[in-house]
Amino acid sequence: MSDLLAQEELAVALKKCPEWEQEKTYITRSIEFEEFMEGIDFVAVVGEIAEEAQHHPDISVKYTKVTLKLTTHDVGGVTDLDIQLAQRIDNVLD
């Protein structure tokens, strides 16, 4: 299991994925797509990545906007697992 990142460590780690923001005990990112189905296709890809990593985000879809939240529930906050998954998701979007 991954250890909870201290606030200073989290600030440094978020520089690797600057589109993500810390909110309470998780990191979040929202992406706006041109079409509804683009967002749904993206969610399917995120689902595959999450299954492979065995680490699953909370996903919200509101028409063309997809919001992802990452946290490691077992430790009650953000860990390296969350940062790694955020980076993999960012790679899909690049």
PDB file of N, CA and C in Angstrom:
ATOM      1  N   MET A   1       0.837  -1.181   0.000  1.00  0.00           N
ATOM      2  CA  MET A   1       0.000   0.000   0.000  1.00  0.00           C
ATOM      3  C   MET A   1       0.883   1.246   0.000  1.00  0.00           C
ATOM      4  N   SER A   2       0.400   2.257  -0.622  1.00  0.00           N
ATOM      5  CA  SER A   2       1.129   3.508  -0.730  1.00  0.00           C
ATOM      6  C   SER A   2       0.861   4.377   0.505  1.00  0.00           C
ATOM      7  N   ASP A   3       1.855   5.181   0.878  1.00  0.00           N
ATOM      8  CA  ASP A   3       1.718   6.052   2.042  1.00  0.00           C
ATOM      9  C   ASP A   3       1.106   7.399   1.655  1.00  0.00           C
ATOM     10  N   LEU A   4       0.387   7.971   2.582  1.00  0.00           N
ATOM     11  CA  LEU A   4      -0.192   9.293   2.420  1.00  0.00           C
ATOM     12  C   LEU A   4       0.926  10.302   2.168  1.00  0.00           C
ATOM     13  N   LEU A   5       0.731  11.160   1.170  1.00  0.00           N
ATOM     14  CA  LEU A   5       1.726  12.200   0.889  1.00  0.00           C
ATOM     15  C   LEU A   5       1.536  13.374   1.848  1.00  0.00           C
ATOM     16  N   ALA A   6       2.632  13.847   2.408  1.00  0.00           N
ATOM     17  CA  ALA A   6       2.595  15.059   3.224  1.00  0.00           C
ATOM     18  C   ALA A   6       2.281  16.238   2.303  1.00  0.00           C
ATOM     19  N   GLN A   7       1.792  17.318   2.861  1.00  0.00           N
ATOM     20  CA  GLN A   7       1.394  18.482   2.060  1.00  0.00           C
ATOM     21  C   GLN A   7       2.527  18.964   1.144  1.00  0.00           C
ATOM     22  N   GLU A   8       3.762  18.993   1.664  1.00  0.00           N
ATOM     23  CA  GLU A   8       4.898  19.446   0.854  1.00  0.00           C
ATOM     24  C   GLU A   8       5.167  18.473  -0.301  1.00  0.00           C
ATOM     25  N   GLU A   9       5.077  17.182  -0.003  1.00  0.00           N
ATOM     26  CA  GLU A   9       5.288  16.162  -1.041  1.00  0.00           C
ATOM     27  C   GLU A   9       4.206  16.245  -2.103  1.00  0.00           C
ATOM     28  N   LEU A  10       2.977  16.487  -1.669  1.00  0.00           N
ATOM     29  CA  LEU A  10       1.872  16.606  -2.610  1.00  0.00           C
ATOM     30  C   LEU A  10       2.053  17.815  -3.524  1.00  0.00           C
ATOM     31  N   ALA A  11       2.499  18.927  -2.979  1.00  0.00           N
ATOM     32  CA  ALA A  11       2.730  20.132  -3.789  1.00  0.00           C
ATOM     33  C   ALA A  11       3.766  19.862  -4.870  1.00  0.00           C
ATOM     34  N   VAL A  12       4.821  19.155  -4.523  1.00  0.00           N
ATOM     35  CA  VAL A  12       5.858  18.802  -5.497  1.00  0.00           C
ATOM     36  C   VAL A  12       5.299  17.827  -6.528  1.00  0.00           C
ATOM     37  N   ALA A  13       4.561  16.824  -6.067  1.00  0.00           N
ATOM     38  CA  ALA A  13       4.010  15.804  -6.964  1.00  0.00           C
ATOM     39  C   ALA A  13       3.024  16.413  -7.961  1.00  0.00           C
ATOM     40  N   LEU A  14       2.247  17.390  -7.533  1.00  0.00           N
ATOM     41  CA  LEU A  14       1.264  18.007  -8.424  1.00  0.00           C
ATOM     42  C   LEU A  14       1.911  18.808  -9.550  1.00  0.00           C
ATOM     43  N   LYS A  15       3.177  19.128  -9.413  1.00  0.00           N
ATOM     44  CA  LYS A  15       3.886  19.804 -10.509  1.00  0.00           C
ATOM     45  C   LYS A  15       4.027  18.863 -11.707  1.00  0.00           C
ATOM     46  N   LYS A  16       3.967  17.545 -11.459  1.00  0.00           N
ATOM     47  CA  LYS A  16       4.040  16.555 -12.535  1.00  0.00           C
ATOM     48  C   LYS A  16       2.716  16.469 -13.291  1.00  0.00           C
ATOM     49  N   CYS A  17       1.639  16.926 -12.680  1.00  0.00           N
ATOM     50  CA  CYS A  17       0.315  16.898 -13.322  1.00  0.00           C
ATOM     51  C   CYS A  17      -0.417  18.198 -12.978  1.00  0.00           C
ATOM     52  N   PRO A  18       0.009  19.295 -13.625  1.00  0.00           N
ATOM     53  CA  PRO A  18      -0.464  20.629 -13.251  1.00  0.00           C
ATOM     54  C   PRO A  18      -1.949  20.900 -13.501  1.00  0.00           C
ATOM     55  N   GLU A  19      -2.624  20.062 -14.266  1.00  0.00           N
ATOM     56  CA  GLU A  19      -4.052  20.264 -14.519  1.00  0.00           C
ATOM     57  C   GLU A  19      -4.911  19.796 -13.336  1.00  0.00           C
ATOM     58  N   TRP A  20      -4.291  19.109 -12.395  1.00  0.00           N
ATOM     59  CA  TRP A  20      -4.995  18.574 -11.240  1.00  0.00           C
ATOM     60  C   TRP A  20      -4.874  19.535 -10.078  1.00  0.00           C
ATOM     61  N   GLU A  21      -5.931  19.605  -9.265  1.00  0.00           N
ATOM     62  CA  GLU A  21      -5.940  20.483  -8.098  1.00  0.00           C
ATOM     63  C   GLU A  21      -6.275  19.673  -6.855  1.00  0.00           C
ATOM     64  N   GLN A  22      -5.699  20.082  -5.748  1.00  0.00           N
ATOM     65  CA  GLN A  22      -6.023  19.433  -4.480  1.00  0.00           C
ATOM     66  C   GLN A  22      -7.295  20.041  -3.916  1.00  0.00           C
ATOM     67  N   GLU A  23      -8.189  19.180  -3.471  1.00  0.00           N
ATOM     68  CA  GLU A  23      -9.393  19.587  -2.746  1.00  0.00           C
ATOM     69  C   GLU A  23      -9.562  18.619  -1.593  1.00  0.00           C
ATOM     70  N   LYS A  24      -9.431  19.101  -0.397  1.00  0.00           N
ATOM     71  CA  LYS A  24      -9.559  18.276   0.806  1.00  0.00           C
ATOM     72  C   LYS A  24      -8.634  17.075   0.731  1.00  0.00           C
ATOM     73  N   THR A  25      -9.188  15.871   0.685  1.00  0.00           N
ATOM     74  CA  THR A  25      -8.381  14.648   0.729  1.00  0.00           C
ATOM     75  C   THR A  25      -8.253  13.980  -0.636  1.00  0.00           C
ATOM     76  N   TYR A  26      -8.437  14.733  -1.707  1.00  0.00           N
ATOM     77  CA  TYR A  26      -8.329  14.168  -3.041  1.00  0.00           C
ATOM     78  C   TYR A  26      -7.773  15.194  -4.021  1.00  0.00           C
ATOM     79  N   ILE A  27      -7.437  14.709  -5.217  1.00  0.00           N
ATOM     80  CA  ILE A  27      -7.073  15.609  -6.309  1.00  0.00           C
ATOM     81  C   ILE A  27      -8.149  15.471  -7.373  1.00  0.00           C
ATOM     82  N   THR A  28      -8.385  16.529  -8.103  1.00  0.00           N
ATOM     83  CA  THR A  28      -9.476  16.551  -9.064  1.00  0.00           C
ATOM     84  C   THR A  28      -9.064  17.252 -10.359  1.00  0.00           C
ATOM     85  N   ARG A  29      -9.725  16.819 -11.432  1.00  0.00           N
ATOM     86  CA  ARG A  29      -9.535  17.463 -12.724  1.00  0.00           C
ATOM     87  C   ARG A  29     -10.838  17.363 -13.500  1.00  0.00           C
ATOM     88  N   SER A  30     -11.216  18.458 -14.152  1.00  0.00           N
ATOM     89  CA  SER A  30     -12.390  18.467 -15.024  1.00  0.00           C
ATOM     90  C   SER A  30     -11.949  18.707 -16.454  1.00  0.00           C
ATOM     91  N   ILE A  31     -12.577  17.988 -17.368  1.00  0.00           N
ATOM     92  CA  ILE A  31     -12.267  18.101 -18.789  1.00  0.00           C
ATOM     93  C   ILE A  31     -13.566  18.355 -19.533  1.00  0.00           C
ATOM     94  N   GLU A  32     -13.554  19.354 -20.392  1.00  0.00           N
ATOM     95  CA  GLU A  32     -14.719  19.692 -21.214  1.00  0.00           C
ATOM     96  C   GLU A  32     -14.478  19.157 -22.626  1.00  0.00           C
ATOM     97  N   PHE A  33     -15.426  18.387 -23.124  1.00  0.00           N
ATOM     98  CA  PHE A  33     -15.333  17.822 -24.467  1.00  0.00           C
ATOM     99  C   PHE A  33     -16.305  18.526 -25.399  1.00  0.00           C
ATOM    100  N   GLU A  34     -16.058  18.417 -26.694  1.00  0.00           N
ATOM    101  CA  GLU A  34     -16.935  19.034 -27.689  1.00  0.00           C
ATOM    102  C   GLU A  34     -18.292  18.337 -27.747  1.00  0.00           C
ATOM    103  N   GLU A  35     -18.258  17.015 -27.656  1.00  0.00           N
ATOM    104  CA  GLU A  35     -19.469  16.201 -27.798  1.00  0.00           C
ATOM    105  C   GLU A  35     -19.619  15.263 -26.607  1.00  0.00           C
ATOM    106  N   PHE A  36     -20.839  14.927 -26.271  1.00  0.00           N
ATOM    107  CA  PHE A  36     -21.128  14.010 -25.176  1.00  0.00           C
ATOM    108  C   PHE A  36     -20.379  12.694 -25.329  1.00  0.00           C
ATOM    109  N   MET A  37     -20.418  12.094 -26.514  1.00  0.00           N
ATOM    110  CA  MET A  37     -19.802  10.786 -26.716  1.00  0.00           C
ATOM    111  C   MET A  37     -18.284  10.819 -26.599  1.00  0.00           C
ATOM    112  N   GLU A  38     -17.660  11.953 -26.855  1.00  0.00           N
ATOM    113  CA  GLU A  38     -16.216  12.065 -26.630  1.00  0.00           C
ATOM    114  C   GLU A  38     -15.902  11.866 -25.144  1.00  0.00           C
ATOM    115  N   GLY A  39     -16.713  12.463 -24.293  1.00  0.00           N
ATOM    116  CA  GLY A  39     -16.529  12.301 -22.859  1.00  0.00           C
ATOM    117  C   GLY A  39     -16.761  10.867 -22.419  1.00  0.00           C
ATOM    118  N   ILE A  40     -17.773  10.236 -22.984  1.00  0.00           N
ATOM    119  CA  ILE A  40     -18.071   8.843 -22.645  1.00  0.00           C
ATOM    120  C   ILE A  40     -16.935   7.930 -23.097  1.00  0.00           C
ATOM    121  N   ASP A  41     -16.407   8.171 -24.291  1.00  0.00           N
ATOM    122  CA  ASP A  41     -15.265   7.381 -24.778  1.00  0.00           C
ATOM    123  C   ASP A  41     -14.053   7.556 -23.860  1.00  0.00           C
ATOM    124  N   PHE A  42     -13.833   8.780 -23.418  1.00  0.00           N
ATOM    125  CA  PHE A  42     -12.737   9.063 -22.489  1.00  0.00           C
ATOM    126  C   PHE A  42     -12.933   8.299 -21.179  1.00  0.00           C
ATOM    127  N   VAL A  43     -14.139   8.307 -20.660  1.00  0.00           N
ATOM    128  CA  VAL A  43     -14.433   7.587 -19.414  1.00  0.00           C
ATOM    129  C   VAL A  43     -14.136   6.096 -19.582  1.00  0.00           C
ATOM    130  N   ALA A  44     -14.453   5.535 -20.742  1.00  0.00           N
ATOM    131  CA  ALA A  44     -14.167   4.117 -20.986  1.00  0.00           C
ATOM    132  C   ALA A  44     -12.663   3.845 -20.942  1.00  0.00           C
ATOM    133  N   VAL A  45     -11.871   4.737 -21.520  1.00  0.00           N
ATOM    134  CA  VAL A  45     -10.414   4.585 -21.497  1.00  0.00           C
ATOM    135  C   VAL A  45      -9.895   4.709 -20.064  1.00  0.00           C
ATOM    136  N   VAL A  46     -10.411   5.682 -19.318  1.00  0.00           N
ATOM    137  CA  VAL A  46     -10.010   5.850 -17.920  1.00  0.00           C
ATOM    138  C   VAL A  46     -10.360   4.591 -17.130  1.00  0.00           C
ATOM    139  N   GLY A  47     -11.509   4.010 -17.416  1.00  0.00           N
ATOM    140  CA  GLY A  47     -11.907   2.781 -16.741  1.00  0.00           C
ATOM    141  C   GLY A  47     -10.924   1.649 -16.976  1.00  0.00           C
ATOM    142  N   GLU A  48     -10.437   1.520 -18.213  1.00  0.00           N
ATOM    143  CA  GLU A  48      -9.451   0.482 -18.526  1.00  0.00           C
ATOM    144  C   GLU A  48      -8.138   0.722 -17.781  1.00  0.00           C
ATOM    145  N   ILE A  49      -7.689   1.969 -17.765  1.00  0.00           N
ATOM    146  CA  ILE A  49      -6.452   2.322 -17.061  1.00  0.00           C
ATOM    147  C   ILE A  49      -6.608   2.044 -15.564  1.00  0.00           C
ATOM    148  N   ALA A  50      -7.747   2.420 -15.010  1.00  0.00           N
ATOM    149  CA  ALA A  50      -7.995   2.229 -13.581  1.00  0.00           C
ATOM    150  C   ALA A  50      -8.042   0.746 -13.217  1.00  0.00           C
ATOM    151  N   GLU A  51      -8.666  -0.058 -14.056  1.00  0.00           N
ATOM    152  CA  GLU A  51      -8.722  -1.502 -13.796  1.00  0.00           C
ATOM    153  C   GLU A  51      -7.329  -2.108 -13.815  1.00  0.00           C
ATOM    154  N   GLU A  52      -6.539  -1.694 -14.795  1.00  0.00           N
ATOM    155  CA  GLU A  52      -5.169  -2.192 -14.900  1.00  0.00           C
ATOM    156  C   GLU A  52      -4.362  -1.821 -13.652  1.00  0.00           C
ATOM    157  N   ALA A  53      -4.573  -0.602 -13.164  1.00  0.00           N
ATOM    158  CA  ALA A  53      -3.845  -0.118 -11.989  1.00  0.00           C
ATOM    159  C   ALA A  53      -4.461  -0.609 -10.676  1.00  0.00           C
ATOM    160  N   GLN A  54      -5.679  -1.155 -10.751  1.00  0.00           N
ATOM    161  CA  GLN A  54      -6.428  -1.535  -9.549  1.00  0.00           C
ATOM    162  C   GLN A  54      -6.549  -0.355  -8.588  1.00  0.00           C
ATOM    163  N   HIS A  55      -6.799   0.818  -9.181  1.00  0.00           N
ATOM    164  CA  HIS A  55      -6.967   2.059  -8.420  1.00  0.00           C
ATOM    165  C   HIS A  55      -7.994   2.886  -9.184  1.00  0.00           C
ATOM    166  N   HIS A  56      -9.133   3.155  -8.571  1.00  0.00           N
ATOM    167  CA  HIS A  56     -10.289   3.667  -9.301  1.00  0.00           C
ATOM    168  C   HIS A  56     -10.695   5.078  -8.874  1.00  0.00           C
ATOM    169  N   PRO A  57     -10.867   5.965  -9.860  1.00  0.00           N
ATOM    170  CA  PRO A  57     -11.295   7.332  -9.554  1.00  0.00           C
ATOM    171  C   PRO A  57     -12.806   7.410  -9.376  1.00  0.00           C
ATOM    172  N   ASP A  58     -13.261   8.457  -8.723  1.00  0.00           N
ATOM    173  CA  ASP A  58     -14.670   8.821  -8.769  1.00  0.00           C
ATOM    174  C   ASP A  58     -14.832   9.615 -10.058  1.00  0.00           C
ATOM    175  N   ILE A  59     -15.849   9.279 -10.835  1.00  0.00           N
ATOM    176  CA  ILE A  59     -16.058   9.919 -12.132  1.00  0.00           C
ATOM    177  C   ILE A  59     -17.469  10.487 -12.182  1.00  0.00           C
ATOM    178  N   SER A  60     -17.553  11.748 -12.596  1.00  0.00           N
ATOM    179  CA  SER A  60     -18.841  12.409 -12.763  1.00  0.00           C
ATOM    180  C   SER A  60     -18.934  12.897 -14.212  1.00  0.00           C
ATOM    181  N   VAL A  61     -20.045  12.617 -14.859  1.00  0.00           N
ATOM    182  CA  VAL A  61     -20.279  13.080 -16.222  1.00  0.00           C
ATOM    183  C   VAL A  61     -21.506  13.982 -16.209  1.00  0.00           C
ATOM    184  N   LYS A  62     -21.305  15.208 -16.668  1.00  0.00           N
ATOM    185  CA  LYS A  62     -22.410  16.154 -16.813  1.00  0.00           C
ATOM    186  C   LYS A  62     -22.357  16.697 -18.230  1.00  0.00           C
ATOM    187  N   TYR A  63     -23.119  16.068 -19.089  1.00  0.00           N
ATOM    188  CA  TYR A  63     -23.184  16.343 -20.521  1.00  0.00           C
ATOM    189  C   TYR A  63     -21.791  16.234 -21.145  1.00  0.00           C
ATOM    190  N   THR A  64     -21.117  17.333 -21.430  1.00  0.00           N
ATOM    191  CA  THR A  64     -19.800  17.247 -22.072  1.00  0.00           C
ATOM    192  C   THR A  64     -18.644  17.454 -21.094  1.00  0.00           C
ATOM    193  N   LYS A  65     -18.948  17.551 -19.808  1.00  0.00           N
ATOM    194  CA  LYS A  65     -17.915  17.776 -18.799  1.00  0.00           C
ATOM    195  C   LYS A  65     -17.725  16.513 -17.957  1.00  0.00           C
ATOM    196  N   VAL A  66     -16.474  16.052 -17.900  1.00  0.00           N
ATOM    197  CA  VAL A  66     -16.116  14.887 -17.090  1.00  0.00           C
ATOM    198  C   VAL A  66     -15.216  15.370 -15.958  1.00  0.00           C
ATOM    199  N   THR A  67     -15.570  15.017 -14.735  1.00  0.00           N
ATOM    200  CA  THR A  67     -14.770  15.376 -13.571  1.00  0.00           C
ATOM    201  C   THR A  67     -14.267  14.098 -12.908  1.00  0.00           C
ATOM    202  N   LEU A  68     -12.980  14.071 -12.639  1.00  0.00           N
ATOM    203  CA  LEU A  68     -12.330  12.928 -12.000  1.00  0.00           C
ATOM    204  C   LEU A  68     -11.826  13.345 -10.629  1.00  0.00           C
ATOM    205  N   LYS A  69     -11.982  12.455  -9.659  1.00  0.00           N
ATOM    206  CA  LYS A  69     -11.442  12.668  -8.318  1.00  0.00           C
ATOM    207  C   LYS A  69     -10.639  11.440  -7.943  1.00  0.00           C
ATOM    208  N   LEU A  70      -9.429  11.671  -7.463  1.00  0.00           N
ATOM    209  CA  LEU A  70      -8.546  10.583  -7.052  1.00  0.00           C
ATOM    210  C   LEU A  70      -8.181  10.728  -5.584  1.00  0.00           C
ATOM    211  N   THR A  71      -8.275   9.627  -4.872  1.00  0.00           N
ATOM    212  CA  THR A  71      -7.842   9.541  -3.484  1.00  0.00           C
ATOM    213  C   THR A  71      -7.575   8.076  -3.167  1.00  0.00           C
ATOM    214  N   THR A  72      -6.796   7.824  -2.160  1.00  0.00           N
ATOM    215  CA  THR A  72      -6.569   6.459  -1.705  1.00  0.00           C
ATOM    216  C   THR A  72      -7.360   6.306  -0.412  1.00  0.00           C
ATOM    217  N   HIS A  73      -8.516   5.679  -0.527  1.00  0.00           N
ATOM    218  CA  HIS A  73      -9.449   5.584   0.595  1.00  0.00           C
ATOM    219  C   HIS A  73      -8.836   4.913   1.823  1.00  0.00           C
ATOM    220  N   ASP A  74      -7.986   3.907   1.600  1.00  0.00           N
ATOM    221  CA  ASP A  74      -7.392   3.164   2.718  1.00  0.00           C
ATOM    222  C   ASP A  74      -6.578   4.041   3.665  1.00  0.00           C
ATOM    223  N   VAL A  75      -5.987   5.122   3.129  1.00  0.00           N
ATOM    224  CA  VAL A  75      -5.177   6.001   3.980  1.00  0.00           C
ATOM    225  C   VAL A  75      -5.816   7.378   4.167  1.00  0.00           C
ATOM    226  N   GLY A  76      -6.940   7.607   3.512  1.00  0.00           N
ATOM    227  CA  GLY A  76      -7.673   8.849   3.714  1.00  0.00           C
ATOM    228  C   GLY A  76      -7.075  10.074   3.064  1.00  0.00           C
ATOM    229  N   GLY A  77      -6.429   9.880   1.906  1.00  0.00           N
ATOM    230  CA  GLY A  77      -5.867  11.028   1.207  1.00  0.00           C
ATOM    231  C   GLY A  77      -5.104  10.630  -0.035  1.00  0.00           C
ATOM    232  N   VAL A  78      -4.292  11.540  -0.513  1.00  0.00           N
ATOM    233  CA  VAL A  78      -3.573  11.363  -1.773  1.00  0.00           C
ATOM    234  C   VAL A  78      -2.243  10.646  -1.527  1.00  0.00           C
ATOM    235  N   THR A  79      -1.973   9.659  -2.385  1.00  0.00           N
ATOM    236  CA  THR A  79      -0.726   8.900  -2.334  1.00  0.00           C
ATOM    237  C   THR A  79      -0.075   8.918  -3.711  1.00  0.00           C
ATOM    238  N   ASP A  80       1.082   8.274  -3.800  1.00  0.00           N
ATOM    239  CA  ASP A  80       1.758   8.140  -5.096  1.00  0.00           C
ATOM    240  C   ASP A  80       0.875   7.422  -6.115  1.00  0.00           C
ATOM    241  N   LEU A  81       0.032   6.509  -5.663  1.00  0.00           N
ATOM    242  CA  LEU A  81      -0.877   5.819  -6.579  1.00  0.00           C
ATOM    243  C   LEU A  81      -1.779   6.804  -7.310  1.00  0.00           C
ATOM    244  N   ASP A  82      -2.259   7.807  -6.599  1.00  0.00           N
ATOM    245  CA  ASP A  82      -3.127   8.813  -7.205  1.00  0.00           C
ATOM    246  C   ASP A  82      -2.372   9.663  -8.219  1.00  0.00           C
ATOM    247  N   ILE A  83      -1.152  10.048  -7.862  1.00  0.00           N
ATOM    248  CA  ILE A  83      -0.334  10.853  -8.768  1.00  0.00           C
ATOM    249  C   ILE A  83      -0.006  10.054 -10.030  1.00  0.00           C
ATOM    250  N   GLN A  84       0.361   8.800  -9.869  1.00  0.00           N
ATOM    251  CA  GLN A  84       0.678   7.948 -11.026  1.00  0.00           C
ATOM    252  C   GLN A  84      -0.537   7.795 -11.935  1.00  0.00           C
ATOM    253  N   LEU A  85      -1.722   7.583 -11.347  1.00  0.00           N
ATOM    254  CA  LEU A  85      -2.923   7.441 -12.159  1.00  0.00           C
ATOM    255  C   LEU A  85      -3.260   8.760 -12.853  1.00  0.00           C
ATOM    256  N   ALA A  86      -3.108   9.871 -12.162  1.00  0.00           N
ATOM    257  CA  ALA A  86      -3.341  11.185 -12.777  1.00  0.00           C
ATOM    258  C   ALA A  86      -2.442  11.385 -13.983  1.00  0.00           C
ATOM    259  N   GLN A  87      -1.185  11.013 -13.853  1.00  0.00           N
ATOM    260  CA  GLN A  87      -0.245  11.149 -14.974  1.00  0.00           C
ATOM    261  C   GLN A  87      -0.646  10.264 -16.155  1.00  0.00           C
ATOM    262  N   ARG A  88      -1.090   9.054 -15.877  1.00  0.00           N
ATOM    263  CA  ARG A  88      -1.522   8.150 -16.955  1.00  0.00           C
ATOM    264  C   ARG A  88      -2.764   8.712 -17.649  1.00  0.00           C
ATOM    265  N   ILE A  89      -3.672   9.288 -16.892  1.00  0.00           N
ATOM    266  CA  ILE A  89      -4.859   9.896 -17.480  1.00  0.00           C
ATOM    267  C   ILE A  89      -4.459  11.104 -18.322  1.00  0.00           C
ATOM    268  N   ASP A  90      -3.544  11.921 -17.812  1.00  0.00           N
ATOM    269  CA  ASP A  90      -3.067  13.070 -18.574  1.00  0.00           C
ATOM    270  C   ASP A  90      -2.456  12.643 -19.902  1.00  0.00           C
ATOM    271  N   ASN A  91      -1.743  11.521 -19.917  1.00  0.00           N
ATOM    272  CA  ASN A  91      -1.130  11.026 -21.159  1.00  0.00           C
ATOM    273  C   ASN A  91      -2.179  10.712 -22.213  1.00  0.00           C
ATOM    274  N   VAL A  92      -3.350  10.271 -21.806  1.00  0.00           N
ATOM    275  CA  VAL A  92      -4.443   9.990 -22.742  1.00  0.00           C
ATOM    276  C   VAL A  92      -4.909  11.284 -23.382  1.00  0.00           C
ATOM    277  N   LEU A  93      -4.907  12.350 -22.640  1.00  0.00           N
ATOM    278  CA  LEU A  93      -5.410  13.636 -23.109  1.00  0.00           C
ATOM    279  C   LEU A  93      -4.403  14.415 -23.952  1.00  0.00           C
ATOM    280  N   ASP A  94      -3.128  14.079 -23.831  1.00  0.00           N
ATOM    281  CA  ASP A  94      -2.088  14.811 -24.591  1.00  0.00           C
ATOM    282  C   ASP A  94      -2.048  14.400 -26.052  1.00  0.00           C
TER     283      ASP A  94
END
